[in-house]
């Protein structure tokens, strides 16, 4: 059933300067927004991103994770088949929007008298791609491993328990603690628990993944996003659904973790 009149504001026109890939994706995402019939506030309550971040996506000013798209498509009122079809289209458009366009290849200039021709120049410069390739390989290795004393960019995250009785430090029951997992790709169970944390506890995160095990909170919201955090000298994993929503959807978030 469509929302009653006045429930949602009309979307503004997309910026004229948007690249074609981002424009196509934003246009398709707007179609999903119209088809689901939910307001930004209603979507914020069902998705692990804030209302302001959703608004940015719809304006073409940012690109969501695939996990967010998957959860959004699951809300489609026409059912799973239609939702899966929309997800496939959006995922393909997301890949194109995130990829830079091919660089133009300049034409080969004609040699002037006394200058070496293209073949001679190629022989002289053939060593350059090799040197650049070696330098790139070193740079990539540095990016993945980093030097021993390199400081990895970090961001504080706040543990959030949606159960209200667990949000009061003085009166909360002992079973209000939340688990940190050893592996975000294994079931979120006691066997995979590396430590316990509490509501409003601050942790330091260095990266995130979007394709981990889906975790459902007590309000029925789902997320496959996980954050890698430090706790008591260990690297463990906090489900994104257990982070304050405004922090989970914060622009300029952490990079994706490398395996």
C-alpha atoms as a PDB file:
ATOM      1  CA  UNK A   1       0.000   0.000   0.000  1.00  0.00           C
ATOM      2  CA  UNK A   2       1.522   3.388  -0.945  1.00  0.00           C
ATOM      3  CA  UNK A   3       2.223   5.854   1.853  1.00  0.00           C
ATOM      4  CA  UNK A   4      -0.405   8.523   2.573  1.00  0.00           C
ATOM      5  CA  UNK A   5       0.081  11.892   0.845  1.00  0.00           C
ATOM      6  CA  UNK A   6       2.581  14.175   2.526  1.00  0.00           C
ATOM      7  CA  UNK A   7       4.373  11.396   4.308  1.00  0.00           C
ATOM      8  CA  UNK A   8       7.544  11.743   2.245  1.00  0.00           C
ATOM      9  CA  UNK A   9       9.215  14.755   0.717  1.00  0.00           C
ATOM     10  CA  UNK A  10       9.814  14.729  -3.019  1.00  0.00           C
ATOM     11  CA  UNK A  11      13.415  14.052  -3.969  1.00  0.00           C
ATOM     12  CA  UNK A  12      15.389  16.954  -5.392  1.00  0.00           C
ATOM     13  CA  UNK A  13      16.904  16.748  -8.862  1.00  0.00           C
ATOM     14  CA  UNK A  14      20.253  14.989  -9.118  1.00  0.00           C
ATOM     15  CA  UNK A  15      23.263  17.329  -9.436  1.00  0.00           C
ATOM     16  CA  UNK A  16      24.139  18.090 -13.052  1.00  0.00           C
ATOM     17  CA  UNK A  17      27.841  17.369 -12.517  1.00  0.00           C
ATOM     18  CA  UNK A  18      27.363  13.714 -11.496  1.00  0.00           C
ATOM     19  CA  UNK A  19      29.386  11.216 -13.574  1.00  0.00           C
ATOM     20  CA  UNK A  20      27.209   8.950 -15.722  1.00  0.00           C
ATOM     21  CA  UNK A  21      27.895   5.829 -13.634  1.00  0.00           C
ATOM     22  CA  UNK A  22      26.903   7.493 -10.374  1.00  0.00           C
ATOM     23  CA  UNK A  23      23.851   9.069 -12.029  1.00  0.00           C
ATOM     24  CA  UNK A  24      22.624   5.694 -13.315  1.00  0.00           C
ATOM     25  CA  UNK A  25      23.080   4.109  -9.897  1.00  0.00           C
ATOM     26  CA  UNK A  26      21.390   6.976  -8.033  1.00  0.00           C
ATOM     27  CA  UNK A  27      18.456   6.893 -10.482  1.00  0.00           C
ATOM     28  CA  UNK A  28      17.974   3.150  -9.918  1.00  0.00           C
ATOM     29  CA  UNK A  29      18.258   3.609  -6.147  1.00  0.00           C
ATOM     30  CA  UNK A  30      15.577   6.300  -6.283  1.00  0.00           C
ATOM     31  CA  UNK A  31      13.320   3.831  -8.080  1.00  0.00           C
ATOM     32  CA  UNK A  32      13.830   1.356  -5.228  1.00  0.00           C
ATOM     33  CA  UNK A  33      13.038   4.134  -2.755  1.00  0.00           C
ATOM     34  CA  UNK A  34       9.776   4.877  -4.560  1.00  0.00           C
ATOM     35  CA  UNK A  35       8.840   1.202  -4.884  1.00  0.00           C
ATOM     36  CA  UNK A  36       9.362   0.387  -1.207  1.00  0.00           C
ATOM     37  CA  UNK A  37       7.207   3.355  -0.174  1.00  0.00           C
ATOM     38  CA  UNK A  38       9.077   3.908   3.110  1.00  0.00           C
ATOM     39  CA  UNK A  39      10.196   7.287   4.400  1.00  0.00           C
ATOM     40  CA  UNK A  40      13.821   7.974   5.302  1.00  0.00           C
ATOM     41  CA  UNK A  41      12.941   7.737   8.993  1.00  0.00           C
ATOM     42  CA  UNK A  42      11.327   4.339   8.460  1.00  0.00           C
ATOM     43  CA  UNK A  43      14.318   3.137   6.446  1.00  0.00           C
ATOM     44  CA  UNK A  44      16.698   4.370   9.146  1.00  0.00           C
ATOM     45  CA  UNK A  45      14.862   2.165  11.652  1.00  0.00           C
ATOM     46  CA  UNK A  46      15.264  -0.899   9.419  1.00  0.00           C
ATOM     47  CA  UNK A  47      18.728  -0.406   7.911  1.00  0.00           C
ATOM     48  CA  UNK A  48      22.159  -0.061   9.582  1.00  0.00           C
ATOM     49  CA  UNK A  49      22.673   3.465   8.227  1.00  0.00           C
ATOM     50  CA  UNK A  50      21.483   6.888   9.316  1.00  0.00           C
ATOM     51  CA  UNK A  51      18.813   8.987   7.657  1.00  0.00           C
ATOM     52  CA  UNK A  52      21.371  11.582   6.550  1.00  0.00           C
ATOM     53  CA  UNK A  53      23.499   8.885   4.903  1.00  0.00           C
ATOM     54  CA  UNK A  54      20.478   7.476   3.073  1.00  0.00           C
ATOM     55  CA  UNK A  55      19.712  10.980   1.840  1.00  0.00           C
ATOM     56  CA  UNK A  56      23.277  11.303   0.528  1.00  0.00           C
ATOM     57  CA  UNK A  57      22.943   8.030  -1.380  1.00  0.00           C
ATOM     58  CA  UNK A  58      19.723   9.242  -3.006  1.00  0.00           C
ATOM     59  CA  UNK A  59      21.416  12.508  -4.014  1.00  0.00           C
ATOM     60  CA  UNK A  60      24.242  10.591  -5.666  1.00  0.00           C
ATOM     61  CA  UNK A  61      26.792  11.878  -3.143  1.00  0.00           C
ATOM     62  CA  UNK A  62      27.921   8.476  -1.887  1.00  0.00           C
ATOM     63  CA  UNK A  63      27.795   4.754  -2.609  1.00  0.00           C
ATOM     64  CA  UNK A  64      26.403   2.223  -0.113  1.00  0.00           C
ATOM     65  CA  UNK A  65      27.797  -1.186   0.731  1.00  0.00           C
ATOM     66  CA  UNK A  66      26.277  -4.186  -1.031  1.00  0.00           C
ATOM     67  CA  UNK A  67      25.092  -5.399   2.379  1.00  0.00           C
ATOM     68  CA  UNK A  68      22.977  -2.250   2.773  1.00  0.00           C
ATOM     69  CA  UNK A  69      21.491  -2.733  -0.697  1.00  0.00           C
ATOM     70  CA  UNK A  70      20.652  -6.350   0.117  1.00  0.00           C
ATOM     71  CA  UNK A  71      18.807  -5.382   3.296  1.00  0.00           C
ATOM     72  CA  UNK A  72      17.021  -2.540   1.500  1.00  0.00           C
ATOM     73  CA  UNK A  73      15.834  -4.852  -1.287  1.00  0.00           C
ATOM     74  CA  UNK A  74      14.530  -7.316   1.310  1.00  0.00           C
ATOM     75  CA  UNK A  75      12.018  -4.607   2.284  1.00  0.00           C
ATOM     76  CA  UNK A  76      10.481  -4.572  -1.199  1.00  0.00           C
ATOM     77  CA  UNK A  77       6.683  -4.909  -0.848  1.00  0.00           C
ATOM     78  CA  UNK A  78       6.412  -7.004  -4.038  1.00  0.00           C
ATOM     79  CA  UNK A  79       8.273  -9.889  -2.423  1.00  0.00           C
ATOM     80  CA  UNK A  80      11.605 -11.622  -2.634  1.00  0.00           C
ATOM     81  CA  UNK A  81      11.606 -12.290  -6.382  1.00  0.00           C
ATOM     82  CA  UNK A  82      11.241  -8.611  -7.243  1.00  0.00           C
ATOM     83  CA  UNK A  83      13.675  -7.630  -4.493  1.00  0.00           C
ATOM     84  CA  UNK A  84      16.328 -10.030  -5.816  1.00  0.00           C
ATOM     85  CA  UNK A  85      15.887  -8.667  -9.347  1.00  0.00           C
ATOM     86  CA  UNK A  86      16.336  -5.087  -8.146  1.00  0.00           C
ATOM     87  CA  UNK A  87      19.359  -6.127  -6.074  1.00  0.00           C
ATOM     88  CA  UNK A  88      21.014  -7.668  -9.131  1.00  0.00           C
ATOM     89  CA  UNK A  89      20.491  -4.498 -11.148  1.00  0.00           C
ATOM     90  CA  UNK A  90      21.728  -2.218  -8.365  1.00  0.00           C
ATOM     91  CA  UNK A  91      24.803  -4.363  -7.675  1.00  0.00           C
ATOM     92  CA  UNK A  92      25.828  -4.182 -11.341  1.00  0.00           C
ATOM     93  CA  UNK A  93      25.291  -0.411 -11.430  1.00  0.00           C
ATOM     94  CA  UNK A  94      27.175  -0.014  -8.147  1.00  0.00           C
ATOM     95  CA  UNK A  95      30.205  -1.730  -9.654  1.00  0.00           C
ATOM     96  CA  UNK A  96      30.164   0.622 -12.634  1.00  0.00           C
ATOM     97  CA  UNK A  97      29.648   3.683 -10.449  1.00  0.00           C
ATOM     98  CA  UNK A  98      32.603   2.746  -8.241  1.00  0.00           C
ATOM     99  CA  UNK A  99      34.961   2.108 -11.178  1.00  0.00           C
ATOM    100  CA  UNK A 100      36.787   5.035 -12.788  1.00  0.00           C
ATOM    101  CA  UNK A 101      36.280   5.429 -16.518  1.00  0.00           C
ATOM    102  CA  UNK A 102      39.035   4.338 -18.921  1.00  0.00           C
ATOM    103  CA  UNK A 103      41.704   6.932 -19.567  1.00  0.00           C
ATOM    104  CA  UNK A 104      41.980   8.277 -23.088  1.00  0.00           C
ATOM    105  CA  UNK A 105      44.965   7.016 -25.097  1.00  0.00           C
ATOM    106  CA  UNK A 106      46.888   9.900 -26.682  1.00  0.00           C
ATOM    107  CA  UNK A 107      47.780   9.659 -30.354  1.00  0.00           C
ATOM    108  CA  UNK A 108      51.367   8.788 -31.245  1.00  0.00           C
ATOM    109  CA  UNK A 109      53.074  12.012 -32.436  1.00  0.00           C
ATOM    110  CA  UNK A 110      54.926  11.990 -35.733  1.00  0.00           C
ATOM    111  CA  UNK A 111      58.728  12.087 -35.209  1.00  0.00           C
ATOM    112  CA  UNK A 112      60.559  15.243 -36.240  1.00  0.00           C
ATOM    113  CA  UNK A 113      63.697  15.046 -38.390  1.00  0.00           C
ATOM    114  CA  UNK A 114      66.585  13.786 -36.301  1.00  0.00           C
ATOM    115  CA  UNK A 115      64.290  12.333 -33.600  1.00  0.00           C
ATOM    116  CA  UNK A 116      64.005   8.576 -32.979  1.00  0.00           C
ATOM    117  CA  UNK A 117      60.889   6.902 -34.359  1.00  0.00           C
ATOM    118  CA  UNK A 118      58.273   5.095 -32.228  1.00  0.00           C
ATOM    119  CA  UNK A 119      60.086   1.739 -32.414  1.00  0.00           C
ATOM    120  CA  UNK A 120      63.398   3.272 -31.267  1.00  0.00           C
ATOM    121  CA  UNK A 121      61.658   5.178 -28.471  1.00  0.00           C
ATOM    122  CA  UNK A 122      59.975   1.961 -27.381  1.00  0.00           C
ATOM    123  CA  UNK A 123      63.336   0.215 -27.054  1.00  0.00           C
ATOM    124  CA  UNK A 124      64.730   3.104 -25.018  1.00  0.00           C
ATOM    125  CA  UNK A 125      61.710   3.339 -22.759  1.00  0.00           C
ATOM    126  CA  UNK A 126      60.919  -0.361 -22.439  1.00  0.00           C
ATOM    127  CA  UNK A 127      62.645  -0.419 -19.081  1.00  0.00           C
ATOM    128  CA  UNK A 128      60.249   2.213 -17.659  1.00  0.00           C
ATOM    129  CA  UNK A 129      57.151  -0.062 -17.307  1.00  0.00           C
ATOM    130  CA  UNK A 130      59.344  -2.655 -15.600  1.00  0.00           C
ATOM    131  CA  UNK A 131      60.622  -0.121 -13.070  1.00  0.00           C
ATOM    132  CA  UNK A 132      57.126   1.269 -12.513  1.00  0.00           C
ATOM    133  CA  UNK A 133      55.746  -2.257 -12.130  1.00  0.00           C
ATOM    134  CA  UNK A 134      58.328  -3.123  -9.473  1.00  0.00           C
ATOM    135  CA  UNK A 135      57.613   0.130  -7.643  1.00  0.00           C
ATOM    136  CA  UNK A 136      53.871  -0.555  -7.782  1.00  0.00           C
ATOM    137  CA  UNK A 137      54.370  -4.061  -6.399  1.00  0.00           C
ATOM    138  CA  UNK A 138      56.422  -2.658  -3.525  1.00  0.00           C
ATOM    139  CA  UNK A 139      53.761  -0.028  -2.862  1.00  0.00           C
ATOM    140  CA  UNK A 140      50.970  -2.615  -2.851  1.00  0.00           C
ATOM    141  CA  UNK A 141      52.897  -4.808  -0.446  1.00  0.00           C
ATOM    142  CA  UNK A 142      53.481  -1.790   1.781  1.00  0.00           C
ATOM    143  CA  UNK A 143      49.745  -0.962   1.696  1.00  0.00           C
ATOM    144  CA  UNK A 144      48.722  -4.496   2.710  1.00  0.00           C
ATOM    145  CA  UNK A 145      51.312  -5.155   5.406  1.00  0.00           C
ATOM    146  CA  UNK A 146      52.646  -1.713   6.289  1.00  0.00           C
ATOM    147  CA  UNK A 147      55.928  -1.045   8.028  1.00  0.00           C
ATOM    148  CA  UNK A 148      56.462  -2.288  11.545  1.00  0.00           C
ATOM    149  CA  UNK A 149      55.899   1.124  13.084  1.00  0.00           C
ATOM    150  CA  UNK A 150      53.136   2.319  10.719  1.00  0.00           C
ATOM    151  CA  UNK A 151      50.030   3.668  12.398  1.00  0.00           C
ATOM    152  CA  UNK A 152      46.833   2.207  10.968  1.00  0.00           C
ATOM    153  CA  UNK A 153      43.995   4.757  10.726  1.00  0.00           C
ATOM    154  CA  UNK A 154      41.529   4.028  13.515  1.00  0.00           C
ATOM    155  CA  UNK A 155      38.106   5.200  14.561  1.00  0.00           C
ATOM    156  CA  UNK A 156      36.316   4.921  17.899  1.00  0.00           C
ATOM    157  CA  UNK A 157      33.024   3.022  17.853  1.00  0.00           C
ATOM    158  CA  UNK A 158      30.420   2.808  20.596  1.00  0.00           C
ATOM    159  CA  UNK A 159      28.790  -0.483  21.584  1.00  0.00           C
ATOM    160  CA  UNK A 160      25.000  -0.236  21.446  1.00  0.00           C
ATOM    161  CA  UNK A 161      22.472  -2.597  23.030  1.00  0.00           C
ATOM    162  CA  UNK A 162      18.941  -1.926  21.756  1.00  0.00           C
ATOM    163  CA  UNK A 163      17.372  -3.415  24.914  1.00  0.00           C
ATOM    164  CA  UNK A 164      16.541  -0.393  27.072  1.00  0.00           C
ATOM    165  CA  UNK A 165      16.987  -2.204  30.383  1.00  0.00           C
ATOM    166  CA  UNK A 166      20.569  -2.962  29.314  1.00  0.00           C
ATOM    167  CA  UNK A 167      21.399   0.712  28.787  1.00  0.00           C
ATOM    168  CA  UNK A 168      21.442   1.599  32.505  1.00  0.00           C
ATOM    169  CA  UNK A 169      24.831   0.802  34.032  1.00  0.00           C
ATOM    170  CA  UNK A 170      23.604   0.642  37.632  1.00  0.00           C
ATOM    171  CA  UNK A 171      20.621  -1.667  37.147  1.00  0.00           C
ATOM    172  CA  UNK A 172      21.289  -3.767  34.045  1.00  0.00           C
ATOM    173  CA  UNK A 173      21.218  -7.569  34.406  1.00  0.00           C
ATOM    174  CA  UNK A 174      24.363  -9.666  34.028  1.00  0.00           C
ATOM    175  CA  UNK A 175      23.119 -11.134  30.737  1.00  0.00           C
ATOM    176  CA  UNK A 176      23.180  -7.716  29.034  1.00  0.00           C
ATOM    177  CA  UNK A 177      26.749  -8.111  27.802  1.00  0.00           C
ATOM    178  CA  UNK A 178      27.358  -8.538  24.060  1.00  0.00           C
ATOM    179  CA  UNK A 179      29.899 -10.843  22.460  1.00  0.00           C
ATOM    180  CA  UNK A 180      32.916  -9.985  20.340  1.00  0.00           C
ATOM    181  CA  UNK A 181      33.549 -12.715  17.767  1.00  0.00           C
ATOM    182  CA  UNK A 182      36.857 -14.339  16.874  1.00  0.00           C
ATOM    183  CA  UNK A 183      35.783 -14.840  13.247  1.00  0.00           C
ATOM    184  CA  UNK A 184      33.024 -12.810  11.524  1.00  0.00           C
ATOM    185  CA  UNK A 185      32.481 -15.570   8.950  1.00  0.00           C
ATOM    186  CA  UNK A 186      31.579 -18.227  11.538  1.00  0.00           C
ATOM    187  CA  UNK A 187      28.259 -18.487  13.442  1.00  0.00           C
ATOM    188  CA  UNK A 188      27.842 -15.788  16.081  1.00  0.00           C
ATOM    189  CA  UNK A 189      27.702 -18.212  19.004  1.00  0.00           C
ATOM    190  CA  UNK A 190      29.404 -18.946  22.331  1.00  0.00           C
ATOM    191  CA  UNK A 191      32.036 -21.101  20.595  1.00  0.00           C
ATOM    192  CA  UNK A 192      33.080 -18.086  18.510  1.00  0.00           C
ATOM    193  CA  UNK A 193      33.154 -15.593  21.382  1.00  0.00           C
ATOM    194  CA  UNK A 194      36.462 -13.920  22.185  1.00  0.00           C
ATOM    195  CA  UNK A 195      35.289 -11.398  24.793  1.00  0.00           C
ATOM    196  CA  UNK A 196      32.251  -9.581  26.129  1.00  0.00           C
ATOM    197  CA  UNK A 197      31.433  -5.863  26.054  1.00  0.00           C
ATOM    198  CA  UNK A 198      28.656  -3.635  27.360  1.00  0.00           C
ATOM    199  CA  UNK A 199      26.367  -0.911  26.073  1.00  0.00           C
ATOM    200  CA  UNK A 200      28.081   2.486  25.687  1.00  0.00           C
ATOM    201  CA  UNK A 201      31.564   0.915  25.847  1.00  0.00           C
ATOM    202  CA  UNK A 202      34.047   2.585  23.478  1.00  0.00           C
ATOM    203  CA  UNK A 203      36.283   0.461  21.259  1.00  0.00           C
ATOM    204  CA  UNK A 204      38.903   1.284  18.639  1.00  0.00           C
ATOM    205  CA  UNK A 205      38.275  -0.074  15.112  1.00  0.00           C
ATOM    206  CA  UNK A 206      40.679  -0.149  12.173  1.00  0.00           C
ATOM    207  CA  UNK A 207      38.600  -1.651   9.329  1.00  0.00           C
ATOM    208  CA  UNK A 208      35.298  -3.305   8.445  1.00  0.00           C
ATOM    209  CA  UNK A 209      33.750  -6.000   6.264  1.00  0.00           C
ATOM    210  CA  UNK A 210      30.300  -6.064   4.671  1.00  0.00           C
ATOM    211  CA  UNK A 211      29.872  -9.771   3.888  1.00  0.00           C
ATOM    212  CA  UNK A 212      30.131 -11.429   7.298  1.00  0.00           C
ATOM    213  CA  UNK A 213      27.558 -13.601   9.051  1.00  0.00           C
ATOM    214  CA  UNK A 214      24.217 -11.783   9.290  1.00  0.00           C
ATOM    215  CA  UNK A 215      23.394 -10.815  12.887  1.00  0.00           C
ATOM    216  CA  UNK A 216      19.862  -9.908  14.008  1.00  0.00           C
ATOM    217  CA  UNK A 217      19.254  -7.702  17.037  1.00  0.00           C
ATOM    218  CA  UNK A 218      16.356  -7.787  19.486  1.00  0.00           C
ATOM    219  CA  UNK A 219      14.299  -5.425  17.307  1.00  0.00           C
ATOM    220  CA  UNK A 220      14.555  -7.683  14.262  1.00  0.00           C
ATOM    221  CA  UNK A 221      17.068  -5.569  12.337  1.00  0.00           C
ATOM    222  CA  UNK A 222      19.773  -7.358  10.351  1.00  0.00           C
ATOM    223  CA  UNK A 223      23.296  -6.561   9.234  1.00  0.00           C
ATOM    224  CA  UNK A 224      26.256  -8.428   7.728  1.00  0.00           C
ATOM    225  CA  UNK A 225      28.640  -5.545   8.496  1.00  0.00           C
ATOM    226  CA  UNK A 226      31.379  -6.195  11.072  1.00  0.00           C
ATOM    227  CA  UNK A 227      34.082  -3.962  12.563  1.00  0.00           C
ATOM    228  CA  UNK A 228      37.520  -5.235  13.576  1.00  0.00           C
ATOM    229  CA  UNK A 229      38.316  -3.855  17.030  1.00  0.00           C
ATOM    230  CA  UNK A 230      41.041  -4.032  19.668  1.00  0.00           C
ATOM    231  CA  UNK A 231      40.064  -5.456  23.043  1.00  0.00           C
ATOM    232  CA  UNK A 232      42.474  -6.428  25.822  1.00  0.00           C
ATOM    233  CA  UNK A 233      45.315  -6.835  23.350  1.00  0.00           C
ATOM    234  CA  UNK A 234      43.287  -8.994  20.943  1.00  0.00           C
ATOM    235  CA  UNK A 235      41.848  -8.279  17.505  1.00  0.00           C
ATOM    236  CA  UNK A 236      38.191  -9.277  17.629  1.00  0.00           C
ATOM    237  CA  UNK A 237      35.022  -8.484  15.683  1.00  0.00           C
ATOM    238  CA  UNK A 238      31.999  -6.410  16.689  1.00  0.00           C
ATOM    239  CA  UNK A 239      28.785  -6.834  14.650  1.00  0.00           C
ATOM    240  CA  UNK A 240      27.751  -3.610  12.939  1.00  0.00           C
ATOM    241  CA  UNK A 241      24.239  -4.071  14.300  1.00  0.00           C
ATOM    242  CA  UNK A 242      25.760  -3.645  17.799  1.00  0.00           C
ATOM    243  CA  UNK A 243      27.166  -0.183  17.006  1.00  0.00           C
ATOM    244  CA  UNK A 244      25.341   3.117  17.446  1.00  0.00           C
ATOM    245  CA  UNK A 245      23.381   3.612  14.179  1.00  0.00           C
ATOM    246  CA  UNK A 246      24.700   7.134  13.645  1.00  0.00           C
ATOM    247  CA  UNK A 247      28.271   5.799  13.823  1.00  0.00           C
ATOM    248  CA  UNK A 248      27.591   2.856  11.518  1.00  0.00           C
ATOM    249  CA  UNK A 249      26.379   5.160   8.759  1.00  0.00           C
ATOM    250  CA  UNK A 250      28.928   7.896   9.398  1.00  0.00           C
ATOM    251  CA  UNK A 251      30.421   9.355   6.185  1.00  0.00           C
ATOM    252  CA  UNK A 252      34.133   8.783   5.665  1.00  0.00           C
ATOM    253  CA  UNK A 253      34.085   5.440   7.415  1.00  0.00           C
ATOM    254  CA  UNK A 254      36.865   2.910   7.841  1.00  0.00           C
ATOM    255  CA  UNK A 255      38.335   1.007   4.890  1.00  0.00           C
ATOM    256  CA  UNK A 256      37.414  -2.561   4.062  1.00  0.00           C
ATOM    257  CA  UNK A 257      39.627  -5.151   5.753  1.00  0.00           C
ATOM    258  CA  UNK A 258      42.067  -7.162   3.641  1.00  0.00           C
ATOM    259  CA  UNK A 259      42.228 -10.890   4.217  1.00  0.00           C
END
